Structures are given as C-alpha cells and as structure tokens.
Amino acid sequence: MIRFIMPENTHDAFQKAEVILSQLEDFIHSKALQDLLKILDIDIDAIERTYNGRTRSDKSIVELQELRPSASLNEKREALYPLFRELGFIDINKPLNNRHSRVIVLGGSLNACNERTEYAKIWIDETTGYVDGLACYRPIGTAERAKASFCLCDTEFGAMSESFVRVFDLDRQGFTEEFKSDRNLNAISCIRDLGRSDNRKYRIFAAPSSDPHQRRADTADTLSFYYEHEKQMDADDCLLFITNNRHCNRQFLQLAYSMIKGDYPGTIDVIGCYPDDRVTSVDEYDPFQYLQDLIGIMDWMNRFKKLLSER
C-alpha cells in the first residue's frame, strides 16, 4: 500500500518537498496506477479532463456530497477496487508513531465530523496537549442532513462543535470564542475554545477561504489559519490528523504543502477514521468519488514541482 509520509531526518523545507515529490513520482509510476489507467483506457494527462466532477464551468467547486455516481464506472468497480486499495485509498487508519502532541479532526459532512471525532478519541494519550477541530462555515446540505445520525446543525463548524461536546463530554455552554463576521459565509472565521478536560485543551477553528468568491475554505486554508493563530508549536510537535480513509494521501499532500510553503514547525501524520473491520467495501464505494481524490493528488504533485522550481 502506498502512503505518503513526512521525512523526519531534516528540518529544511525544500528538502522535505524533494522527498515528498520523490514519493509522488513513485506513486505516478506504480503498477497499481498504471493498471488503473489501463482499465479506464486513458493516460494520466487525460484523467482530469475525463473524470473531474468538482469544478464547474465558472470555476466554482462542487461539494463531494453533491456528486452523483458515474454509470460508466459501475461495471469497472470490482476491477478498480484493489488498485485503489494499493494506492492508499482504503485502509490507511493507524498512525505511524505512538505519541501525538496534537490530535486534529478535519471537517466534513455531519456524519464525517461525528465519526472522525469519535476515532480521534482512540489516539489521545498522556502526551496529547491539544485536541482541535478544523472546519469552516459551509452550510449543511440537504443530502447530508437526511443521512445525519446525531444532530441537525446548520454549518460544518456547528457539526464539529457538537461532535466535540458530545464525544469528549465538554460543557456545551462553557466556551469562549473569537468570531469575525462577513456577508460571505466563505469569509467568516471563528476560534471556539471549549475549555480544558483531563489537562487537554479542546478547540474548534473555522477558517476563512483564500478564495471566498469561488469556494469554501479547503484543507490548506484551514491549516494555514490554524498555524497563524497557534504560536506555541515547535519542531518537536507531532500533529495527527483524522479524516476519511480515502482522503488520507490527498489531504496529507495539502497539509504538507502548506507546512513547507509556510515554513511551519512540527511533523504530520494523516489517518482515516474507519478501522480494519469497517473499511469501505467493494460494494459500498463510489469509483467516481475516489477518482476525485486521485485527480487531487495529481494537482498537488504539480504544485510541489512548481514550488521546487521557484527555489
């Protein structure tokens, strides 16, 4: 299984970028990816033109929850599944290290916020000083609200806050926050301090988008916002991020890119919230959704190349 990792033997930002780009080159030339492209009967340069479902003609972004399955991929789902698994889309669900000074939950749908927060609790230990959620003020859509299993929140930020209160048994009313309003929901920001419990601090960060007229805050925006407001980190900090299994490699690249470009300290690891006995099966997964993450990995590879070329 292919898994991108942050090199630990250097603090030099560009050396980190070079190592990650080398991992991406191995990914591109892997047998699993070449076999996947053969099944789709396309080359690597055509995959975005053929299967990108997230970018509208006006350049705005379609939320993952709004994407519909592709009928043309259904007959290939069984053949594609083991290849997606080998490429790291199915069962990255355990940390590389045992100790994490910060455990960070990445936002998503109503159910995703809940599942990821519950899984984060498993990996907290006596060395964990902060448990944080990274989200934005994206409105909760009708489709995800219909599937919700625990609450009816209006925004992703609300869903994350509710999940933290419930999972970590925090005081629902005992919080303080720094809130910056805006008529554009994509530009709103908030830092909610939910207080301390078991000598740990619990917080929710709602980040503004760096392109508020086109999209909500993405993973890179949320990490940049987090680092801008968190001044106590150093090179020894280990940040464990919790997401969906299929997003691990793509979101690792987003997070690593932001850390390297911003010269932020610490090291990162990214895991999915589904353990081995709950990983998405061949009958449950949507190949079209998984291809969006693959396209995202290609995009981040190009950004790493550009970053290194600008040295």
Protein backbone atom coordinates (compact mmCIF):
# COMPACT_ATOMS: atom_id res chain seq x y z
CA MET A 1 0.00 0.00 0.00
CA ILE A 2 1.29 3.45 -0.94
CA ARG A 3 1.32 6.01 1.87
CA PHE A 4 2.91 9.44 1.73
CA ILE A 5 4.95 10.38 4.79
CA MET A 6 6.77 13.45 6.08
CA PRO A 7 10.55 12.96 6.30
CA GLU A 8 11.78 13.25 9.89
CA ASN A 9 15.53 13.47 9.24
CA THR A 10 15.50 17.11 8.09
CA HIS A 11 14.00 20.44 9.13
CA ASP A 12 14.83 22.05 5.79
CA ALA A 13 11.57 22.89 4.00
CA PHE A 14 12.81 22.29 0.47
CA GLN A 15 14.47 19.01 1.38
CA LYS A 16 11.09 17.89 2.71
CA ALA A 17 9.47 18.95 -0.57
CA GLU A 18 12.05 17.00 -2.57
CA VAL A 19 11.43 13.83 -0.56
CA ILE A 20 7.65 14.12 -0.96
CA LEU A 21 7.97 14.80 -4.69
CA SER A 22 10.08 11.64 -4.96
CA GLN A 23 7.26 9.72 -3.26
CA LEU A 24 4.82 11.22 -5.75
CA GLU A 25 7.00 10.12 -8.67
CA ASP A 26 6.89 6.57 -7.28
CA PHE A 27 3.12 6.88 -7.00
CA ILE A 28 2.77 8.01 -10.62
CA HIS A 29 4.90 5.15 -11.92
CA SER A 30 3.40 2.48 -9.66
CA LYS A 31 1.98 -0.64 -11.24
CA ALA A 32 -1.33 -0.08 -9.45
CA LEU A 33 -1.84 3.31 -11.07
CA GLN A 34 -0.75 2.08 -14.49
CA ASP A 35 -3.22 -0.83 -14.22
CA LEU A 36 -5.99 1.57 -13.14
CA LEU A 37 -5.36 3.78 -16.18
CA LYS A 38 -5.47 0.74 -18.46
CA ILE A 39 -8.89 -0.24 -17.10
CA LEU A 40 -10.14 3.31 -17.68
CA ASP A 41 -8.47 3.31 -21.13
CA ILE A 42 -6.88 6.73 -20.61
CA ASP A 43 -3.46 8.16 -19.84
CA ILE A 44 -2.52 10.19 -16.79
CA ASP A 45 -2.86 13.51 -18.62
CA ALA A 46 -6.45 12.79 -19.62
CA ILE A 47 -7.83 11.70 -16.28
CA GLU A 48 -8.76 15.19 -15.10
CA ARG A 49 -10.41 16.16 -18.39
CA THR A 50 -12.44 12.95 -18.37
CA TYR A 51 -13.43 12.50 -14.74
CA ASN A 52 -13.18 15.84 -12.91
CA GLY A 53 -16.63 16.34 -11.40
CA ARG A 54 -15.75 19.01 -8.84
CA THR A 55 -15.08 22.09 -10.97
CA ARG A 56 -18.00 23.89 -12.62
CA SER A 57 -17.64 25.93 -15.81
CA ASP A 58 -17.48 29.14 -13.71
CA LYS A 59 -14.57 27.62 -11.70
CA SER A 60 -16.66 27.25 -8.52
CA ILE A 61 -16.35 23.99 -6.61
CA VAL A 62 -18.95 21.23 -6.33
CA GLU A 63 -19.15 19.70 -2.84
CA LEU A 64 -18.36 15.98 -2.69
CA GLN A 65 -21.80 15.31 -1.18
CA GLU A 66 -23.40 16.69 -4.36
CA LEU A 67 -21.59 14.39 -6.80
CA ARG A 68 -23.60 11.60 -8.36
CA PRO A 69 -22.09 8.21 -9.27
CA SER A 70 -20.92 7.65 -12.82
CA ALA A 71 -22.85 4.84 -14.51
CA SER A 72 -19.96 4.17 -16.89
CA LEU A 73 -17.70 3.25 -13.97
CA ASN A 74 -20.08 0.81 -12.31
CA GLU A 75 -19.08 -2.17 -14.43
CA LYS A 76 -15.40 -1.50 -13.57
CA ARG A 77 -15.84 -1.09 -9.83
CA GLU A 78 -14.66 -4.59 -8.85
CA ALA A 79 -11.55 -4.38 -11.02
CA LEU A 80 -10.69 -0.89 -9.76
CA TYR A 81 -11.19 -1.56 -6.04
CA PRO A 82 -7.94 -3.49 -5.28
CA LEU A 83 -5.99 -0.86 -7.23
CA PHE A 84 -7.48 1.98 -5.20
CA ARG A 85 -6.59 -0.06 -2.13
CA GLU A 86 -2.96 -0.40 -3.19
CA LEU A 87 -2.85 3.34 -3.92
CA GLY A 88 -3.80 4.10 -0.30
CA PHE A 89 -7.49 4.97 -0.64
CA ILE A 90 -8.99 2.25 1.57
CA ASP A 91 -7.15 1.32 4.75
CA ILE A 92 -4.75 3.98 5.99
CA ASN A 93 -6.16 4.03 9.52
CA LYS A 94 -3.29 3.70 12.01
CA PRO A 95 -0.67 6.31 12.99
CA LEU A 96 2.98 5.82 12.13
CA ASN A 97 4.00 6.93 15.64
CA ASN A 98 2.56 6.21 19.08
CA ARG A 99 2.63 9.71 20.58
CA HIS A 100 0.95 12.86 19.29
CA SER A 101 1.15 16.27 20.96
CA ARG A 102 -1.84 17.43 18.93
CA VAL A 103 -4.75 15.41 17.56
CA ILE A 104 -6.67 17.34 14.89
CA VAL A 105 -10.02 16.43 13.35
CA LEU A 106 -10.58 17.60 9.77
CA GLY A 107 -14.10 18.80 8.99
CA GLY A 108 -16.57 17.27 6.57
CA SER A 109 -20.23 16.26 6.44
CA LEU A 110 -22.40 15.92 9.53
CA ASN A 111 -21.67 12.23 9.90
CA ALA A 112 -18.00 12.70 8.98
CA CYS A 113 -17.46 15.21 11.80
CA ASN A 114 -19.00 12.76 14.23
CA GLU A 115 -17.13 9.66 13.01
CA ARG A 116 -13.77 11.41 12.85
CA THR A 117 -14.13 12.90 16.32
CA GLU A 118 -15.02 9.51 17.80
CA TYR A 119 -11.98 7.94 16.12
CA ALA A 120 -9.72 10.77 17.30
CA LYS A 121 -10.52 9.85 20.90
CA ILE A 122 -8.82 6.48 20.45
CA TRP A 123 -5.44 8.06 19.68
CA ILE A 124 -5.28 10.58 22.52
CA ASP A 125 -2.77 9.78 25.25
CA GLU A 126 -0.94 11.47 28.11
CA THR A 127 1.33 13.34 25.66
CA THR A 128 -1.60 14.99 23.84
CA GLY A 129 -1.94 18.61 24.94
CA TYR A 130 -4.42 19.83 22.32
CA VAL A 131 -7.41 18.30 20.57
CA ASP A 132 -8.59 20.59 17.79
CA GLY A 133 -11.18 20.57 15.01
CA LEU A 134 -10.61 22.35 11.69
CA ALA A 135 -13.74 23.39 9.84
CA CYS A 136 -15.46 26.30 8.08
CA TYR A 137 -18.91 27.90 7.87
CA ARG A 138 -20.06 25.73 4.97
CA PRO A 139 -23.85 25.30 5.20
CA ILE A 140 -25.02 21.73 5.75
CA GLY A 141 -26.66 20.44 2.57
CA THR A 142 -29.99 18.65 2.27
CA ALA A 143 -28.43 15.31 1.26
CA GLU A 144 -26.06 15.08 4.24
CA ARG A 145 -28.76 16.34 6.62
CA ALA A 146 -31.01 13.47 5.51
CA LYS A 147 -28.24 10.98 6.33
CA ALA A 148 -27.29 12.57 9.66
CA SER A 149 -27.31 10.27 12.65
CA PHE A 150 -26.77 12.64 15.56
CA CYS A 151 -27.86 16.30 15.16
CA LEU A 152 -29.28 18.94 12.88
CA CYS A 153 -26.59 21.60 12.73
CA ASP A 154 -26.65 24.45 10.23
CA THR A 155 -22.93 24.55 9.40
CA GLU A 156 -19.84 22.35 9.36
CA PHE A 157 -18.47 24.43 12.24
CA GLY A 158 -21.61 23.66 14.25
CA ALA A 159 -21.35 19.96 13.45
CA MET A 160 -17.75 19.86 14.62
CA SER A 161 -18.56 21.76 17.83
CA GLU A 162 -21.47 19.45 18.61
CA SER A 163 -19.30 16.38 17.99
CA PHE A 164 -16.59 17.61 20.36
CA VAL A 165 -19.07 18.43 23.12
CA ARG A 166 -20.70 15.01 22.86
CA VAL A 167 -17.63 12.80 22.35
CA PHE A 168 -15.37 14.49 24.93
CA ASP A 169 -18.17 15.30 27.40
CA LEU A 170 -17.48 19.05 27.40
CA ASP A 171 -19.60 21.89 28.80
CA ARG A 172 -21.94 22.93 25.97
CA GLN A 173 -22.26 26.49 27.30
CA GLY A 174 -18.80 26.96 28.78
CA PHE A 175 -16.91 28.22 25.75
CA THR A 176 -15.28 31.46 24.65
CA GLU A 177 -14.69 32.43 21.04
CA GLU A 178 -13.17 34.94 18.62
CA PHE A 179 -15.69 35.47 15.82
CA LYS A 180 -15.25 37.56 12.66
CA SER A 181 -18.41 38.02 10.64
CA ASP A 182 -18.84 38.61 6.91
CA ARG A 183 -21.75 38.67 4.48
CA ASN A 184 -19.97 35.95 2.51
CA LEU A 185 -20.11 32.72 4.53
CA ASN A 186 -16.84 31.62 2.94
CA ALA A 187 -15.06 34.57 4.58
CA ILE A 188 -16.31 34.05 8.14
CA SER A 189 -13.82 32.88 10.76
CA CYS A 190 -14.13 31.73 14.36
CA ILE A 191 -11.96 30.16 17.05
CA ARG A 192 -14.05 28.49 19.76
CA ASP A 193 -12.26 27.48 22.96
CA LEU A 194 -14.25 24.67 24.59
CA GLY A 195 -12.04 24.65 27.67
CA ARG A 196 -9.88 22.03 29.32
CA SER A 197 -10.57 18.44 30.29
CA ASP A 198 -8.04 15.88 31.52
CA ASN A 199 -5.30 18.54 31.18
CA ARG A 200 -6.01 18.97 27.47
CA LYS A 201 -7.35 21.96 25.60
CA TYR A 202 -10.24 21.49 23.15
CA ARG A 203 -10.88 23.99 20.35
CA ILE A 204 -12.68 24.42 17.03
CA PHE A 205 -11.20 26.56 14.26
CA ALA A 206 -13.46 27.81 11.45
CA ALA A 207 -11.21 29.13 8.70
CA PRO A 208 -11.98 31.71 6.02
CA SER A 209 -11.38 30.78 2.38
CA SER A 210 -8.42 32.23 0.50
CA ASP A 211 -10.79 32.47 -2.50
CA PRO A 212 -14.17 33.24 -0.86
CA HIS A 213 -16.00 34.13 -4.09
CA GLN A 214 -15.34 30.69 -5.60
CA ARG A 215 -15.28 28.17 -2.75
CA ARG A 216 -15.28 27.44 0.94
CA ALA A 217 -12.06 27.07 2.91
CA ASP A 218 -10.18 23.94 1.88
CA THR A 219 -7.74 21.80 3.87
CA ALA A 220 -4.81 24.09 3.07
CA ASP A 221 -6.76 27.17 4.20
CA THR A 222 -7.72 25.57 7.50
CA LEU A 223 -4.14 24.55 8.28
CA SER A 224 -2.78 28.00 7.42
CA PHE A 225 -5.42 29.61 9.64
CA TYR A 226 -4.55 27.18 12.42
CA TYR A 227 -0.83 27.94 12.30
CA GLU A 228 -1.39 31.69 12.06
CA HIS A 229 -3.26 31.64 15.37
CA GLU A 230 -1.23 28.95 17.12
CA LYS A 231 2.10 30.35 18.26
CA GLN A 232 3.20 27.63 20.68
CA MET A 233 4.31 24.92 18.25
CA ASP A 234 7.90 23.87 17.68
CA ALA A 235 9.87 21.28 15.70
CA ASP A 236 9.10 18.54 18.24
CA ASP A 237 5.34 18.80 17.83
CA CYS A 238 3.68 15.79 16.19
CA LEU A 239 0.29 16.54 14.62
CA LEU A 240 -2.07 13.62 13.94
CA PHE A 241 -4.90 14.49 11.55
CA ILE A 242 -8.10 12.42 11.35
CA THR A 243 -10.07 12.26 8.09
CA ASN A 244 -11.86 9.72 5.88
CA ASN A 245 -9.69 6.79 4.74
CA ARG A 246 -10.00 7.68 1.09
CA HIS A 247 -8.77 11.27 1.64
CA CYS A 248 -5.58 10.39 3.56
CA ASN A 249 -2.97 10.64 0.82
CA ARG A 250 -4.53 13.68 -0.85
CA GLN A 251 -5.02 15.61 2.37
CA PHE A 252 -1.54 14.69 3.54
CA LEU A 253 -0.18 16.42 0.43
CA GLN A 254 -2.34 19.51 1.04
CA LEU A 255 -1.20 19.71 4.65
CA ALA A 256 2.46 19.02 3.87
CA TYR A 257 2.48 21.62 1.10
CA SER A 258 1.05 24.27 3.43
CA MET A 259 3.57 23.39 6.16
CA ILE A 260 6.51 23.52 3.77
CA LYS A 261 5.46 26.72 1.98
CA GLY A 262 4.69 28.45 5.27
CA ASP A 263 7.82 27.02 6.92
CA TYR A 264 5.66 25.83 9.81
CA PRO A 265 7.27 23.66 12.53
CA GLY A 266 6.45 20.12 13.55
CA THR A 267 5.67 16.95 11.66
CA ILE A 268 2.36 15.47 10.49
CA ASP A 269 0.59 12.17 10.02
CA VAL A 270 -2.86 11.59 8.49
CA ILE A 271 -5.15 8.62 9.14
CA GLY A 272 -8.68 7.63 8.22
CA CYS A 273 -11.49 7.07 10.72
CA TYR A 274 -12.58 3.58 9.60
CA PRO A 275 -10.74 0.68 11.33
CA ASP A 276 -9.96 -2.56 9.55
CA ASP A 277 -13.35 -4.11 10.29
CA ARG A 278 -15.22 -1.09 8.88
CA VAL A 279 -13.27 -0.11 5.76
CA THR A 280 -15.39 0.72 2.74
CA SER A 281 -16.14 -2.46 0.79
CA VAL A 282 -16.19 -3.05 -2.94
CA ASP A 283 -20.00 -2.91 -2.86
CA GLU A 284 -20.11 0.38 -0.94
CA TYR A 285 -17.52 2.59 -2.60
CA ASP A 286 -18.14 5.03 -5.47
CA PRO A 287 -15.28 4.91 -8.03
CA PHE A 288 -16.18 8.40 -9.29
CA GLN A 289 -15.65 9.89 -5.83
CA TYR A 290 -12.30 8.11 -5.47
CA LEU A 291 -11.17 9.46 -8.83
CA GLN A 292 -11.71 12.99 -7.49
CA ASP A 293 -9.09 12.30 -4.83
CA LEU A 294 -6.75 10.83 -7.42
CA ILE A 295 -7.14 13.96 -9.54
CA GLY A 296 -6.41 16.00 -6.42
CA ILE A 297 -3.16 14.07 -5.86
CA MET A 298 -2.11 14.89 -9.44
CA ASP A 299 -2.83 18.57 -8.82
CA TRP A 300 -0.74 18.64 -5.64
CA MET A 301 2.12 16.93 -7.43
CA ASN A 302 2.18 19.80 -9.92
CA ARG A 303 2.20 22.29 -7.06
CA PHE A 304 5.16 20.58 -5.43
CA LYS A 305 7.01 20.69 -8.76
CA LYS A 306 6.29 24.40 -9.11
CA LEU A 307 7.34 25.06 -5.52
CA LEU A 308 10.71 23.42 -6.09
CA SER A 309 11.23 25.13 -9.46
CA GLU A 310 10.84 28.53 -7.76
CA ARG A 311 13.75 28.00 -5.37
